[in-house]
Protein backbone atom coordinates (compact mmCIF):
# COMPACT_ATOMS: atom_id res chain seq x y z
CA MET A 1 95.39 89.65 90.89
CA ILE A 2 93.28 87.27 88.75
CA LYS A 3 94.22 89.15 85.61
CA ARG A 4 97.92 89.09 86.47
CA SER A 5 97.83 85.37 87.34
CA ILE A 6 96.15 84.46 84.07
CA PHE A 7 98.63 86.61 82.18
CA ILE A 8 101.57 84.81 83.80
CA LEU A 9 100.04 81.45 82.94
CA LEU A 10 99.56 82.65 79.38
CA ILE A 11 103.18 83.61 78.76
CA PRO A 12 104.32 80.10 77.72
CA VAL A 13 101.23 79.78 75.53
CA LEU A 14 101.82 83.09 73.82
CA LEU A 15 105.42 82.26 73.18
CA LEU A 16 104.29 79.27 71.13
CA GLY A 17 102.98 81.73 68.57
CA CYS A 18 106.35 83.38 68.25
CA GLY A 19 109.32 82.09 66.34
CA THR A 20 111.76 82.72 63.59
CA ASP A 21 109.28 81.84 60.81
CA THR A 22 106.60 84.21 59.52
CA LYS A 23 103.63 82.35 61.00
CA LYS A 24 101.53 84.26 63.52
CA THR A 25 99.12 82.68 65.99
CA LEU A 26 96.21 84.55 67.56
CA ILE A 27 94.90 83.38 70.94
CA LEU A 28 91.09 83.15 71.13
CA ALA A 29 89.40 82.47 74.48
CA HIS A 30 85.72 82.12 75.28
CA GLY A 31 83.46 80.65 77.95
CA LEU A 32 81.21 78.28 76.02
CA ASP A 33 81.11 74.50 75.75
CA THR A 34 82.75 72.90 72.72
CA LYS A 35 79.32 71.59 71.63
CA HIS A 36 78.01 75.14 71.27
CA SER A 37 77.44 76.58 67.79
CA VAL A 38 79.67 79.56 68.66
CA HIS A 39 82.65 77.32 69.41
CA LYS A 40 82.03 75.34 66.23
CA ALA A 41 81.86 78.57 64.23
CA MET A 42 85.12 79.78 65.76
CA THR A 43 86.76 76.47 64.87
CA TYR A 44 85.50 77.01 61.33
CA MET A 45 86.89 80.57 61.43
CA SER A 46 90.28 79.17 62.44
CA GLU A 47 90.23 76.66 59.59
CA GLN A 48 89.23 79.32 57.08
CA LEU A 49 91.91 81.74 58.28
CA LYS A 50 94.60 79.10 57.95
CA GLU A 51 93.44 78.33 54.41
CA ILE A 52 93.04 81.97 53.32
CA SER A 53 96.45 82.97 54.70
CA GLY A 54 98.24 79.88 53.42
CA GLY A 55 99.11 78.98 57.02
CA LYS A 56 100.70 82.37 57.77
CA LEU A 57 98.03 83.41 60.26
CA GLU A 58 96.32 80.96 62.62
CA ILE A 59 93.99 80.95 65.63
CA ARG A 60 94.42 78.80 68.73
CA ILE A 61 91.16 78.41 70.68
CA TYR A 62 90.70 78.02 74.46
CA PRO A 63 86.99 77.32 75.21
CA SER A 64 84.98 76.65 78.39
CA GLN A 65 86.44 79.49 80.49
CA GLN A 66 89.92 77.95 80.40
CA LEU A 67 91.38 81.46 80.43
CA GLY A 68 88.64 83.16 82.42
CA THR A 69 85.05 84.41 82.41
CA GLU A 70 83.70 86.75 79.74
CA ARG A 71 84.65 89.77 81.83
CA GLN A 72 88.14 88.43 82.50
CA CYS A 73 88.67 87.67 78.82
CA LEU A 74 87.75 91.26 77.97
CA GLU A 75 90.32 92.48 80.50
CA LEU A 76 92.92 90.19 78.95
CA LEU A 77 92.13 91.68 75.55
CA GLN A 78 92.63 95.16 76.95
CA ILE A 79 96.20 94.36 77.97
CA GLY A 80 96.91 92.29 74.88
CA SER A 81 97.33 88.95 76.68
CA VAL A 82 94.51 87.39 74.65
CA ASP A 83 93.80 88.44 71.08
CA ILE A 84 90.16 87.50 70.42
CA THR A 85 87.11 86.65 72.51
CA LYS A 86 83.35 86.30 72.32
CA VAL A 87 80.98 87.90 74.80
CA SER A 88 77.32 88.73 74.94
CA ALA A 89 76.71 92.24 73.65
CA ALA A 90 75.11 92.94 77.04
CA VAL A 91 78.51 92.57 78.74
CA MET A 92 79.83 95.37 76.51
CA GLU A 93 77.42 97.90 78.05
CA GLY A 94 79.98 98.58 80.78
CA PHE A 95 82.63 99.45 78.21
CA ALA A 96 80.67 101.18 75.44
CA PRO A 97 77.18 102.42 76.43
CA VAL A 98 75.95 102.37 72.81
CA TYR A 99 75.70 98.57 73.13
CA LYS A 100 72.70 99.14 75.43
CA VAL A 101 70.39 99.44 72.45
CA LEU A 102 70.98 95.76 71.60
CA SER A 103 69.71 94.72 75.05
CA ILE A 104 66.47 96.68 74.91
CA PRO A 105 63.55 94.25 75.23
CA TYR A 106 61.69 93.62 71.97
CA MET A 107 64.07 95.90 70.08
CA PHE A 108 63.92 93.75 66.94
CA ARG A 109 60.75 92.81 65.08
CA SER A 110 62.18 89.54 63.82
CA ARG A 111 65.42 87.61 63.30
CA GLU A 112 65.59 89.03 59.76
CA HIS A 113 65.24 92.57 61.09
CA ALA A 114 68.03 91.94 63.61
CA PHE A 115 70.40 90.64 60.92
CA SER A 116 69.61 93.62 58.69
CA VAL A 117 70.59 95.97 61.53
CA LEU A 118 73.65 94.06 62.74
CA ASP A 119 75.13 93.46 59.28
CA GLY A 120 74.64 97.05 58.13
CA PRO A 121 75.95 100.53 59.02
CA ILE A 122 74.26 100.54 62.44
CA GLY A 123 75.99 97.31 63.40
CA GLN A 124 79.34 98.61 62.20
CA GLN A 125 78.89 101.79 64.24
CA ILE A 126 78.28 99.73 67.36
CA LEU A 127 81.20 97.35 66.68
CA GLN A 128 83.62 100.27 66.51
CA ALA A 129 82.31 101.88 69.71
CA GLY A 130 84.65 99.93 71.98
CA GLY A 131 87.83 101.10 70.27
CA GLU A 132 88.76 103.60 72.96
CA PHE A 133 88.67 100.72 75.46
CA TRP A 134 91.06 98.62 73.28
CA LEU A 135 88.14 96.42 72.16
CA ARG A 136 87.45 96.31 68.41
CA GLY A 137 84.31 94.49 67.30
CA LEU A 138 84.72 92.05 64.42
CA CYS A 139 81.19 90.71 63.96
CA PHE A 140 77.94 89.67 65.58
CA TYR A 141 76.92 86.04 66.04
CA ASP A 142 73.32 84.96 66.36
CA SER A 143 72.31 84.25 69.95
CA GLY A 144 68.61 83.82 69.33
CA SER A 145 66.06 85.20 71.75
CA ARG A 146 66.11 84.98 75.52
CA SER A 147 63.15 83.61 77.50
CA PHE A 148 62.40 82.70 81.12
CA TYR A 149 62.94 79.28 82.67
CA THR A 150 61.88 78.53 86.23
CA LYS A 151 61.87 75.81 88.87
CA ASP A 152 58.43 75.77 90.48
CA ARG A 153 55.92 77.41 88.13
CA PRO A 154 55.73 78.78 84.58
CA ILE A 155 55.81 82.48 83.77
CA LEU A 156 52.71 83.01 81.64
CA HIS A 157 52.26 86.73 82.43
CA PRO A 158 54.63 89.39 83.85
CA ASP A 159 52.64 89.32 87.10
CA ASP A 160 53.87 85.74 87.63
CA LEU A 161 57.37 87.15 88.20
CA LYS A 162 56.37 88.94 91.41
CA GLY A 163 58.34 87.60 94.34
CA MET A 164 60.64 85.58 92.11
CA LYS A 165 64.43 85.93 92.01
CA ILE A 166 65.58 85.72 88.40
CA ARG A 167 69.22 85.39 87.40
CA VAL A 168 70.32 87.95 84.81
CA MET A 169 73.61 88.94 83.26
CA SER A 170 75.55 91.77 84.85
CA SER A 171 73.84 94.23 82.50
CA PRO A 172 71.99 97.36 83.66
CA THR A 173 69.42 96.85 80.90
CA SER A 174 68.74 93.22 81.82
CA ILE A 175 68.44 94.11 85.51
CA GLU A 176 66.00 96.93 84.81
CA MET A 177 63.97 94.75 82.43
CA VAL A 178 63.26 92.12 85.10
CA LYS A 179 62.50 94.84 87.65
CA GLN A 180 59.94 96.45 85.35
CA MET A 181 58.29 93.08 84.81
CA GLY A 182 57.98 92.69 88.58
CA GLY A 183 60.76 90.23 89.39
CA ALA A 184 63.87 90.53 91.54
CA ALA A 185 66.84 90.66 89.18
CA THR A 186 69.86 88.78 90.55
CA PRO A 187 73.18 88.97 88.64
CA ILE A 188 75.12 85.70 88.98
CA SER A 189 78.02 84.46 86.86
CA TRP A 190 77.10 81.82 84.30
CA GLY A 191 79.44 79.23 85.80
CA GLU A 192 77.76 79.49 89.21
CA LEU A 193 74.17 79.45 87.99
CA TYR A 194 73.46 75.70 88.07
CA THR A 195 74.38 75.53 91.76
CA ALA A 196 72.43 78.73 92.47
CA LEU A 197 69.31 77.24 90.87
CA GLN A 198 69.78 73.93 92.65
CA GLY A 199 70.27 75.61 96.03
CA GLY A 200 67.36 78.00 95.67
CA VAL A 201 69.48 81.16 95.54
CA VAL A 202 67.38 82.08 92.51
CA ASP A 203 64.02 80.79 91.29
CA GLY A 204 64.85 80.91 87.63
CA ALA A 205 66.85 82.55 84.87
CA GLU A 206 66.51 83.69 81.27
CA ASN A 207 68.39 82.55 78.21
CA ASN A 208 68.11 81.03 74.75
CA PRO A 209 67.24 77.34 74.12
CA PRO A 210 70.79 76.06 73.37
CA SER A 211 72.19 77.69 76.52
CA PHE A 212 69.31 76.30 78.60
CA TYR A 213 69.98 72.82 77.23
CA LEU A 214 73.79 72.69 77.07
CA SER A 215 74.11 74.11 80.61
CA HIS A 216 71.90 71.27 81.93
CA HIS A 217 69.75 73.87 83.69
CA PHE A 218 66.74 71.90 82.41
CA GLU A 219 67.61 69.30 85.05
CA VAL A 220 66.58 71.83 87.71
CA CYS A 221 64.10 74.08 85.89
CA LYS A 222 61.10 72.26 84.44
CA TYR A 223 59.25 75.27 82.99
CA TYR A 224 60.37 77.20 79.92
CA THR A 225 58.35 80.21 78.79
CA ILE A 226 59.12 81.30 75.22
CA ASN A 227 58.28 84.99 75.56
CA GLU A 228 61.44 86.04 73.66
CA HIS A 229 61.88 89.28 75.59
CA SER A 230 65.28 90.15 74.13
CA SER A 231 67.46 89.18 71.18
CA ILE A 232 70.93 90.13 72.37
CA PRO A 233 73.60 89.02 69.90
CA ASP A 234 77.03 87.72 70.73
CA VAL A 235 79.92 89.91 69.64
CA VAL A 236 83.36 88.71 68.55
CA LEU A 237 86.08 91.18 69.55
CA ILE A 238 89.78 91.58 68.95
CA SER A 239 92.19 93.55 71.11
CA THR A 240 93.15 96.78 69.33
CA ILE A 241 96.69 96.01 70.50
CA SER A 242 96.58 92.76 68.53
CA TRP A 243 94.75 94.31 65.57
CA ASN A 244 97.32 97.04 65.16
CA LYS A 245 100.12 94.46 65.07
CA LEU A 246 98.57 92.86 61.99
CA SER A 247 99.44 94.08 58.52
CA LYS A 248 96.68 95.33 56.22
CA GLU A 249 96.84 92.01 54.38
CA GLU A 250 96.56 90.04 57.62
CA GLN A 251 93.62 92.18 58.75
CA GLY A 252 91.92 91.41 55.45
CA TRP A 253 92.51 87.67 55.89
CA LEU A 254 91.00 87.79 59.36
CA ASN A 255 87.96 89.80 58.24
CA ASP A 256 87.31 87.30 55.43
CA ALA A 257 87.50 84.34 57.83
CA VAL A 258 85.22 86.11 60.32
CA ALA A 259 82.62 86.85 57.63
CA LYS A 260 82.57 83.19 56.55
CA SER A 261 82.15 82.08 60.16
CA VAL A 262 79.12 84.36 60.63
CA ILE A 263 77.22 82.60 57.84
CA TYR A 264 78.21 79.20 59.21
CA GLN A 265 77.32 80.08 62.81
CA ARG A 266 73.84 81.32 61.96
CA LYS A 267 73.08 78.08 60.12
CA LEU A 268 74.31 76.03 63.08
CA TRP A 269 72.34 78.19 65.49
CA LEU A 270 68.98 77.47 63.88
CA GLU A 271 69.70 73.76 63.97
CA SER A 272 70.84 74.00 67.58
CA GLU A 273 67.68 75.87 68.65
CA GLN A 274 65.40 73.19 67.24
CA GLU A 275 67.46 70.34 68.68
CA SER A 276 67.63 71.99 72.11
CA LEU A 277 63.90 72.61 72.39
CA GLN A 278 63.20 69.01 71.43
CA ALA A 279 65.78 67.72 73.91
CA VAL A 280 64.44 69.67 76.91
CA ALA A 281 60.87 68.68 76.01
CA ASP A 282 61.96 65.04 75.91
CA ALA A 283 63.50 65.56 79.35
CA GLY A 284 60.12 66.59 80.78
CA VAL A 285 60.31 70.38 80.56
CA GLU A 286 56.97 72.13 80.02
CA ILE A 287 57.32 74.63 77.17
CA HIS A 288 54.84 77.51 77.09
CA TYR A 289 54.21 80.18 74.45
CA PRO A 290 52.44 83.09 76.20
CA ASP A 291 50.93 86.21 74.66
CA LYS A 292 53.90 88.60 74.37
CA GLU A 293 51.84 91.80 74.44
CA ALA A 294 51.69 92.00 78.24
CA PHE A 295 55.47 91.57 78.48
CA MET A 296 56.06 94.18 75.78
CA GLU A 297 53.81 96.68 77.54
CA LYS A 298 55.63 96.26 80.87
CA VAL A 299 59.05 97.10 79.42
CA LYS A 300 58.07 99.90 77.04
CA PRO A 301 59.18 102.57 79.59
CA LEU A 302 62.72 101.13 79.42
CA LYS A 303 63.08 101.92 75.73
CA ASP A 304 61.50 105.34 76.27
CA SER A 305 64.00 106.13 79.04
CA TYR A 306 66.93 105.33 76.73
CA LYS A 307 65.59 107.79 74.18
CA GLU A 308 66.40 110.55 76.66
CA ASP A 309 70.06 110.07 75.63
CA PRO A 310 70.51 111.82 72.23
CA GLU A 311 73.03 109.28 70.90
CA LEU A 312 70.98 106.26 71.94
CA LYS A 313 67.79 107.88 70.66
CA SER A 314 69.24 108.32 67.18
CA ILE A 315 70.36 104.69 67.02
CA ILE A 316 67.06 103.36 68.41
CA GLU A 317 65.12 105.36 65.84
CA ALA A 318 67.43 104.18 63.06
CA ILE A 319 66.85 100.56 64.13
CA GLU A 320 63.08 101.12 64.18
CA LYS A 321 63.20 102.49 60.62
CA GLN A 322 65.45 99.70 59.33
CA GLU A 323 63.62 97.31 57.01
């Protein structure tokens, strides 16, 4: 019903991209605030696409969940009502299981290692994995590393998570990760999390510094533990229905604009991370940097369990060998 309602509301919007001239307009919807580096990068992508195509192909952006949550936007892509969206790679686990490897705790040795994997053949293999579900990956955006933030006490060791309800994304890997560390994993939609924290439905959550800051969760949670347990990228996707309607030339224009936006977004992200950490510290949040070894040891069985799947094992081992 939600999907149908949004589709009906979208009809007048979509018709704006149609006309007697040769200009095409792609609809891009995402759930982030307009101050977020991802939104700014997508605005840059739109500007670049307009310039590259000479105005023949444009993108119209609807941020802040105007057209639905991440899950709803994916569903709209599947029926071709929305053309492009951005979701966390963790959300894609339910559509293409190969995305699980990107959610494995401590999968990447460093940011440089992650970029080497995501920008190379392994990343391309993962991006194409959603094709059978009408979801074609275009690129990965940097989403930094996720860490715990809590209301009443800091998490300095995995044992501190015992008895605590921690909000996670609706991702089997994220849920299992918190369980193995000793916490009670509680999936809650991003838009409902502030109220859930405020009302004590959960004791904390886990995310990157810009998301912690821009969501205003720092107003409720005064402890931020930088244990960097996972580095799950964002993924920009296009509906295969929309992709197949583009000519080869138009597909090339879009790919060029996307590639330029990746470089721009990663620059913005680094700046945003530093600014966000400073801002939450100024607001009275205690920031802790614990020894990561104890956290890594707790979640090692999770990676080992994924190696029981031959396809996932081959990708995990390829990532481990990647320089």
